[in-house]
């Protein structure tokens, strides 16, 4: 957790990490999931100095998790895939749909 994080975020991080471990994720993967989730929530409520567009404009991690629990894991959103493609410099990304972005990024369907 970042220096100066609130006790609430510390508890949130530990809870998410423990849940991921209970689902069978490795310790490293559980820590990554917890850190990303907490950082996204911090950005959404203005607790961080910087925030990506997807952190602020994308649906909250709580809402996304709730949808996943009913529909099954659907993977990253189109916007998340697009941002990753932009970061990696994938050419033609603006004309791609979600499945094409996944393939271009090397993700499995």
Protein backbone atom coordinates (compact mmCIF):
# COMPACT_ATOMS: atom_id res chain seq x y z
CA UNK A 1 0.00 0.00 0.00
CA UNK A 2 1.22 3.54 -0.69
CA UNK A 3 2.70 5.50 2.15
CA UNK A 4 0.01 7.45 4.00
CA UNK A 5 -2.89 5.29 2.85
CA UNK A 6 -5.91 5.28 5.11
CA UNK A 7 -6.80 2.44 7.48
CA UNK A 8 -9.93 1.87 5.40
CA UNK A 9 -7.86 1.25 2.26
CA UNK A 10 -5.50 -1.02 4.21
CA UNK A 11 -8.48 -3.13 5.34
CA UNK A 12 -9.92 -3.11 1.83
CA UNK A 13 -6.57 -4.28 0.40
CA UNK A 14 -6.26 -7.13 2.90
CA UNK A 15 -9.86 -8.24 2.35
CA UNK A 16 -9.51 -8.30 -1.45
CA UNK A 17 -6.15 -10.09 -1.22
CA UNK A 18 -7.58 -12.72 1.11
CA UNK A 19 -10.60 -13.25 -1.15
CA UNK A 20 -8.35 -13.75 -4.17
CA UNK A 21 -6.23 -16.26 -2.24
CA UNK A 22 -9.41 -18.12 -1.21
CA UNK A 23 -10.35 -18.37 -4.91
CA UNK A 24 -7.01 -20.06 -5.57
CA UNK A 25 -4.94 -17.18 -6.95
CA UNK A 26 -1.23 -17.13 -6.14
CA UNK A 27 0.05 -14.73 -3.48
CA UNK A 28 1.59 -12.49 -6.14
CA UNK A 29 -1.58 -12.43 -8.24
CA UNK A 30 -3.75 -11.78 -5.16
CA UNK A 31 -1.56 -8.82 -4.20
CA UNK A 32 -1.76 -7.44 -7.74
CA UNK A 33 -5.56 -7.72 -7.84
CA UNK A 34 -5.88 -6.07 -4.42
CA UNK A 35 -3.49 -3.24 -5.28
CA UNK A 36 -5.16 -2.49 -8.62
CA UNK A 37 -8.62 -2.52 -7.09
CA UNK A 38 -7.69 -0.27 -4.17
CA UNK A 39 -5.77 2.12 -6.42
CA UNK A 40 -8.74 2.37 -8.77
CA UNK A 41 -11.08 3.19 -5.88
CA UNK A 42 -8.61 5.76 -4.53
CA UNK A 43 -8.51 7.41 -7.96
CA UNK A 44 -12.29 7.38 -8.32
CA UNK A 45 -12.82 9.29 -5.06
CA UNK A 46 -9.90 11.70 -5.53
CA UNK A 47 -7.51 10.20 -2.95
CA UNK A 48 -4.63 9.84 -5.43
CA UNK A 49 -2.56 12.53 -7.13
CA UNK A 50 -2.99 11.06 -10.61
CA UNK A 51 -5.68 8.91 -12.20
CA UNK A 52 -6.10 7.27 -15.59
CA UNK A 53 -9.21 7.88 -17.66
CA UNK A 54 -10.38 4.29 -17.17
CA UNK A 55 -9.93 4.51 -13.40
CA UNK A 56 -12.24 7.50 -13.22
CA UNK A 57 -14.70 6.92 -16.08
CA UNK A 58 -14.99 3.12 -16.08
CA UNK A 59 -17.51 1.46 -13.78
CA UNK A 60 -16.47 0.98 -10.18
CA UNK A 61 -14.71 -2.23 -9.29
CA UNK A 62 -17.54 -3.10 -6.89
CA UNK A 63 -20.14 -2.80 -9.65
CA UNK A 64 -17.97 -4.71 -12.10
CA UNK A 65 -17.40 -7.49 -9.56
CA UNK A 66 -21.12 -7.73 -8.95
CA UNK A 67 -21.80 -8.13 -12.64
CA UNK A 68 -19.11 -10.77 -12.96
CA UNK A 69 -20.59 -12.79 -10.14
CA UNK A 70 -23.85 -13.10 -12.08
CA UNK A 71 -22.59 -13.39 -15.65
CA UNK A 72 -19.25 -15.10 -15.14
CA UNK A 73 -15.85 -13.57 -15.83
CA UNK A 74 -15.96 -11.51 -18.99
CA UNK A 75 -12.41 -10.22 -18.82
CA UNK A 76 -11.30 -6.63 -19.29
CA UNK A 77 -13.71 -4.07 -20.69
CA UNK A 78 -13.33 -2.66 -24.20
CA UNK A 79 -12.01 0.61 -22.76
CA UNK A 80 -9.42 -1.24 -20.68
CA UNK A 81 -8.28 -3.23 -23.71
CA UNK A 82 -8.16 -0.08 -25.83
CA UNK A 83 -6.03 1.75 -23.26
CA UNK A 84 -3.64 -1.20 -23.06
CA UNK A 85 -3.43 -1.28 -26.87
CA UNK A 86 -2.69 2.47 -26.87
CA UNK A 87 0.06 1.99 -24.29
CA UNK A 88 1.60 -0.81 -26.37
CA UNK A 89 1.28 1.15 -29.63
CA UNK A 90 -1.03 -1.29 -31.43
CA UNK A 91 -1.74 0.14 -34.88
CA UNK A 92 -5.36 0.16 -36.10
CA UNK A 93 -6.76 -0.11 -32.57
CA UNK A 94 -9.46 2.51 -33.16
CA UNK A 95 -11.07 0.28 -35.81
CA UNK A 96 -10.95 -2.87 -33.65
CA UNK A 97 -13.75 -4.42 -31.63
CA UNK A 98 -13.21 -6.07 -28.23
CA UNK A 99 -12.32 -9.50 -29.63
CA UNK A 100 -9.86 -8.01 -32.13
CA UNK A 101 -8.21 -5.96 -29.37
CA UNK A 102 -7.87 -9.12 -27.26
CA UNK A 103 -6.18 -10.93 -30.14
CA UNK A 104 -3.87 -7.99 -30.89
CA UNK A 105 -2.82 -7.91 -27.24
CA UNK A 106 -2.30 -11.67 -27.16
CA UNK A 107 -5.12 -12.34 -24.67
CA UNK A 108 -7.04 -15.61 -24.79
CA UNK A 109 -10.79 -15.51 -25.49
